[in-house]
Every structure is written in C-alpha cells, then in structure tokens.
Amino acid sequence: MKAPLVLAALTLSLTAVVSAQAQTPDAPAHADFASRKSAILAHLDQRMAAMSAMRACVANAAARVDLKTCHEQNRGAMKPNHAPT
C-alpha cells in the first residue's frame, strides 16, 4: 500500500524539479558561456605563443643537441598550457 504512495510522491517531486529547471532564465548560462569562451580563447593564445617559440627554436637548430635544448627550454612553457577546466 505504501509503495504506490511513495512512487507517486517521488514522481510528483521529480516533475516539480524538472519543470523548475526548465523555467530558469538563460542569462546565467549565457554569462557562463561568455566567461568560458574568453578563458578558452586566452588559453589558445598562450598555447599558440608557446608553440611559436618552440617552432622558432627548432627552425634555428643546427644539430640534435640544439633540438634537445629547444625541448628543455620550452617544456616548461608547454606543460601548464593544457586545456582549462
């Protein structure tokens, strides 16, 4: 007897939660999108600058030891540039 009542109450509460979420304004999501987009673009700019420096170093390398030096010098700049969370 209690199981149908509990099921009905659960269904009613889930319906209320879903309808409340559907009615939330779009402005906060838009603001979050804008800040996320800005962070991604900033990350891409940093990554492109690091890649450009690495490319210039490799282009100027004359021997394998020079390539190793490029890797060692630019490794620190490349590591923290992973995608933002």
N, C-alpha and C. Protein backbone atom coordinates (compact mmCIF):
# COMPACT_ATOMS: atom_id res chain seq x y z
N MET A 1 0.80 -1.18 0.00
CA MET A 1 0.00 0.00 0.00
C MET A 1 0.85 1.26 0.00
N LYS A 2 1.97 1.24 0.77
CA LYS A 2 2.81 2.42 0.87
C LYS A 2 3.65 2.64 -0.39
N ALA A 3 4.00 1.57 -1.08
CA ALA A 3 4.85 1.68 -2.26
C ALA A 3 4.21 2.55 -3.34
N PRO A 4 2.93 2.39 -3.68
CA PRO A 4 2.35 3.28 -4.69
C PRO A 4 2.33 4.74 -4.25
N LEU A 5 2.13 4.99 -2.96
CA LEU A 5 2.13 6.37 -2.47
C LEU A 5 3.53 6.98 -2.56
N VAL A 6 4.53 6.19 -2.19
CA VAL A 6 5.92 6.67 -2.27
C VAL A 6 6.30 6.92 -3.73
N LEU A 7 5.90 6.02 -4.61
CA LEU A 7 6.20 6.18 -6.02
C LEU A 7 5.51 7.41 -6.59
N ALA A 8 4.28 7.64 -6.21
CA ALA A 8 3.54 8.82 -6.68
C ALA A 8 4.18 10.10 -6.16
N ALA A 9 4.60 10.10 -4.90
CA ALA A 9 5.24 11.28 -4.31
C ALA A 9 6.58 11.55 -4.99
N LEU A 10 7.33 10.51 -5.26
CA LEU A 10 8.62 10.65 -5.94
C LEU A 10 8.44 11.19 -7.35
N THR A 11 7.47 10.67 -8.07
CA THR A 11 7.19 11.13 -9.42
C THR A 11 6.79 12.59 -9.42
N LEU A 12 5.94 12.98 -8.47
CA LEU A 12 5.49 14.36 -8.37
C LEU A 12 6.64 15.29 -8.05
N SER A 13 7.54 14.90 -7.15
CA SER A 13 8.67 15.75 -6.79
C SER A 13 9.66 15.87 -7.94
N LEU A 14 9.89 14.77 -8.66
CA LEU A 14 10.79 14.84 -9.82
C LEU A 14 10.21 15.73 -10.91
N THR A 15 8.91 15.66 -11.11
CA THR A 15 8.26 16.51 -12.10
C THR A 15 8.41 17.98 -11.72
N ALA A 16 8.28 18.29 -10.44
CA ALA A 16 8.42 19.66 -9.97
C ALA A 16 9.85 20.16 -10.18
N VAL A 17 10.83 19.32 -9.91
CA VAL A 17 12.23 19.70 -10.08
C VAL A 17 12.54 19.95 -11.55
N VAL A 18 12.10 19.07 -12.41
CA VAL A 18 12.36 19.21 -13.84
C VAL A 18 11.69 20.46 -14.39
N SER A 19 10.47 20.73 -13.99
CA SER A 19 9.79 21.91 -14.50
C SER A 19 10.43 23.18 -13.95
N ALA A 20 10.95 23.16 -12.73
CA ALA A 20 11.63 24.32 -12.17
C ALA A 20 12.94 24.59 -12.91
N GLN A 21 13.65 23.53 -13.29
CA GLN A 21 14.88 23.71 -14.04
C GLN A 21 14.61 24.23 -15.44
N ALA A 22 13.53 23.83 -16.04
CA ALA A 22 13.20 24.26 -17.39
C ALA A 22 12.83 25.73 -17.43
N GLN A 23 12.42 26.31 -16.28
CA GLN A 23 11.98 27.69 -16.25
C GLN A 23 13.07 28.65 -15.82
N THR A 24 14.28 28.19 -15.58
CA THR A 24 15.35 29.08 -15.15
C THR A 24 15.72 30.00 -16.30
N PRO A 25 16.07 31.25 -16.00
CA PRO A 25 16.42 32.20 -17.07
C PRO A 25 17.70 31.79 -17.77
N ASP A 26 17.85 32.21 -18.99
CA ASP A 26 19.00 31.86 -19.81
C ASP A 26 20.19 32.77 -19.55
N ALA A 27 20.01 33.87 -18.86
CA ALA A 27 21.08 34.84 -18.64
C ALA A 27 22.28 34.25 -17.90
N PRO A 28 22.11 33.51 -16.80
CA PRO A 28 23.30 32.95 -16.14
C PRO A 28 24.07 31.99 -17.04
N ALA A 29 23.38 31.19 -17.81
CA ALA A 29 24.06 30.28 -18.72
C ALA A 29 24.82 31.06 -19.78
N HIS A 30 24.25 32.16 -20.24
CA HIS A 30 24.91 32.99 -21.25
C HIS A 30 26.17 33.62 -20.66
N ALA A 31 26.08 34.11 -19.43
CA ALA A 31 27.25 34.71 -18.79
C ALA A 31 28.33 33.66 -18.59
N ASP A 32 27.94 32.46 -18.20
CA ASP A 32 28.90 31.38 -18.02
C ASP A 32 29.54 31.02 -19.36
N PHE A 33 28.74 31.01 -20.43
CA PHE A 33 29.27 30.73 -21.76
C PHE A 33 30.30 31.78 -22.16
N ALA A 34 29.99 33.04 -21.92
CA ALA A 34 30.90 34.12 -22.30
C ALA A 34 32.22 34.03 -21.55
N SER A 35 32.15 33.73 -20.26
CA SER A 35 33.40 33.62 -19.48
C SER A 35 34.19 32.38 -19.91
N ARG A 36 33.50 31.30 -20.20
CA ARG A 36 34.17 30.08 -20.67
C ARG A 36 34.84 30.31 -22.02
N LYS A 37 34.13 30.99 -22.91
CA LYS A 37 34.67 31.30 -24.23
C LYS A 37 35.91 32.16 -24.10
N SER A 38 35.86 33.15 -23.23
CA SER A 38 37.00 34.03 -23.01
C SER A 38 38.20 33.26 -22.47
N ALA A 39 37.96 32.36 -21.54
CA ALA A 39 39.05 31.55 -20.97
C ALA A 39 39.67 30.64 -22.03
N ILE A 40 38.85 30.06 -22.88
CA ILE A 40 39.35 29.18 -23.93
C ILE A 40 40.20 29.97 -24.93
N LEU A 41 39.72 31.16 -25.31
CA LEU A 41 40.48 31.98 -26.25
C LEU A 41 41.82 32.41 -25.64
N ALA A 42 41.83 32.76 -24.37
CA ALA A 42 43.07 33.14 -23.70
C ALA A 42 44.03 31.95 -23.66
N HIS A 43 43.49 30.77 -23.38
CA HIS A 43 44.32 29.56 -23.36
C HIS A 43 44.92 29.29 -24.74
N LEU A 44 44.12 29.45 -25.77
CA LEU A 44 44.62 29.23 -27.13
C LEU A 44 45.71 30.22 -27.49
N ASP A 45 45.55 31.48 -27.08
CA ASP A 45 46.59 32.49 -27.34
C ASP A 45 47.90 32.11 -26.65
N GLN A 46 47.81 31.65 -25.40
CA GLN A 46 49.02 31.24 -24.67
C GLN A 46 49.66 30.04 -25.35
N ARG A 47 48.85 29.08 -25.74
CA ARG A 47 49.36 27.87 -26.39
C ARG A 47 50.03 28.20 -27.73
N MET A 48 49.41 29.08 -28.49
CA MET A 48 49.97 29.46 -29.79
C MET A 48 51.29 30.20 -29.62
N ALA A 49 51.41 31.04 -28.60
CA ALA A 49 52.67 31.75 -28.34
C ALA A 49 53.77 30.76 -27.97
N ALA A 50 53.44 29.78 -27.13
CA ALA A 50 54.43 28.77 -26.75
C ALA A 50 54.84 27.93 -27.95
N MET A 51 53.88 27.55 -28.78
CA MET A 51 54.18 26.76 -29.98
C MET A 51 55.04 27.57 -30.95
N SER A 52 54.77 28.85 -31.07
CA SER A 52 55.54 29.71 -31.97
C SER A 52 56.99 29.81 -31.50
N ALA A 53 57.19 29.94 -30.20
CA ALA A 53 58.55 30.00 -29.65
C ALA A 53 59.27 28.68 -29.88
N MET A 54 58.58 27.58 -29.69
CA MET A 54 59.17 26.25 -29.91
C MET A 54 59.54 26.08 -31.38
N ARG A 55 58.66 26.52 -32.26
CA ARG A 55 58.92 26.39 -33.70
C ARG A 55 60.15 27.20 -34.11
N ALA A 56 60.27 28.41 -33.60
CA ALA A 56 61.42 29.25 -33.92
C ALA A 56 62.72 28.60 -33.44
N CYS A 57 62.67 28.03 -32.25
CA CYS A 57 63.85 27.36 -31.71
C CYS A 57 64.25 26.17 -32.58
N VAL A 58 63.27 25.35 -32.93
CA VAL A 58 63.55 24.16 -33.75
C VAL A 58 64.04 24.57 -35.14
N ALA A 59 63.46 25.62 -35.70
CA ALA A 59 63.89 26.09 -37.03
C ALA A 59 65.34 26.55 -37.02
N ASN A 60 65.79 27.09 -35.90
CA ASN A 60 67.16 27.58 -35.80
C ASN A 60 68.15 26.52 -35.33
N ALA A 61 67.67 25.33 -34.99
CA ALA A 61 68.55 24.25 -34.52
C ALA A 61 69.43 23.75 -35.65
N ALA A 62 70.71 23.52 -35.32
CA ALA A 62 71.66 23.04 -36.31
C ALA A 62 72.09 21.60 -36.05
N ALA A 63 71.80 21.09 -34.86
CA ALA A 63 72.20 19.74 -34.51
C ALA A 63 71.20 19.16 -33.51
N ARG A 64 71.38 17.87 -33.28
CA ARG A 64 70.45 17.19 -32.36
C ARG A 64 70.51 17.79 -30.96
N VAL A 65 71.67 18.19 -30.53
CA VAL A 65 71.81 18.80 -29.21
C VAL A 65 71.00 20.10 -29.14
N ASP A 66 70.91 20.81 -30.23
CA ASP A 66 70.11 22.04 -30.28
C ASP A 66 68.62 21.72 -30.12
N LEU A 67 68.17 20.63 -30.75
CA LEU A 67 66.78 20.21 -30.61
C LEU A 67 66.47 19.84 -29.16
N LYS A 68 67.43 19.18 -28.52
CA LYS A 68 67.25 18.81 -27.12
C LYS A 68 67.16 20.06 -26.25
N THR A 69 67.98 21.03 -26.55
CA THR A 69 67.94 22.30 -25.82
C THR A 69 66.60 23.00 -26.01
N CYS A 70 66.08 22.99 -27.23
CA CYS A 70 64.76 23.57 -27.51
C CYS A 70 63.69 22.90 -26.66
N HIS A 71 63.76 21.59 -26.62
CA HIS A 71 62.78 20.84 -25.85
C HIS A 71 62.86 21.20 -24.36
N GLU A 72 64.07 21.24 -23.84
CA GLU A 72 64.26 21.55 -22.42
C GLU A 72 63.82 22.97 -22.09
N GLN A 73 64.12 23.93 -22.98
CA GLN A 73 63.76 25.32 -22.74
C GLN A 73 62.25 25.55 -22.83
N ASN A 74 61.59 24.89 -23.74
CA ASN A 74 60.18 25.15 -23.98
C ASN A 74 59.24 24.19 -23.26
N ARG A 75 59.79 23.17 -22.67
CA ARG A 75 58.95 22.20 -21.98
C ARG A 75 58.15 22.83 -20.85
N GLY A 76 58.76 23.70 -20.10
CA GLY A 76 58.06 24.39 -19.01
C GLY A 76 56.93 25.25 -19.50
N ALA A 77 57.11 25.88 -20.64
CA ALA A 77 56.07 26.75 -21.20
C ALA A 77 54.92 25.93 -21.77
N MET A 78 55.21 24.72 -22.21
CA MET A 78 54.18 23.90 -22.83
C MET A 78 53.34 23.14 -21.80
N LYS A 79 53.93 22.71 -20.71
CA LYS A 79 53.24 21.89 -19.72
C LYS A 79 52.01 22.58 -19.11
N PRO A 80 52.11 23.81 -18.61
CA PRO A 80 50.94 24.40 -17.95
C PRO A 80 49.85 24.83 -18.92
N ASN A 81 50.08 24.67 -20.18
CA ASN A 81 49.11 25.14 -21.17
C ASN A 81 48.09 24.10 -21.58
N HIS A 82 47.88 23.12 -20.74
CA HIS A 82 46.83 22.13 -21.05
C HIS A 82 45.47 22.80 -20.90
N ALA A 83 44.47 22.21 -21.50
CA ALA A 83 43.14 22.80 -21.52
C ALA A 83 42.62 23.14 -20.14
N PRO A 84 42.00 24.33 -20.04
CA PRO A 84 41.44 24.73 -18.75
C PRO A 84 40.23 23.90 -18.37
N THR A 85 40.04 23.79 -17.03
CA THR A 85 38.89 23.03 -16.58
C THR A 85 37.76 23.92 -16.16
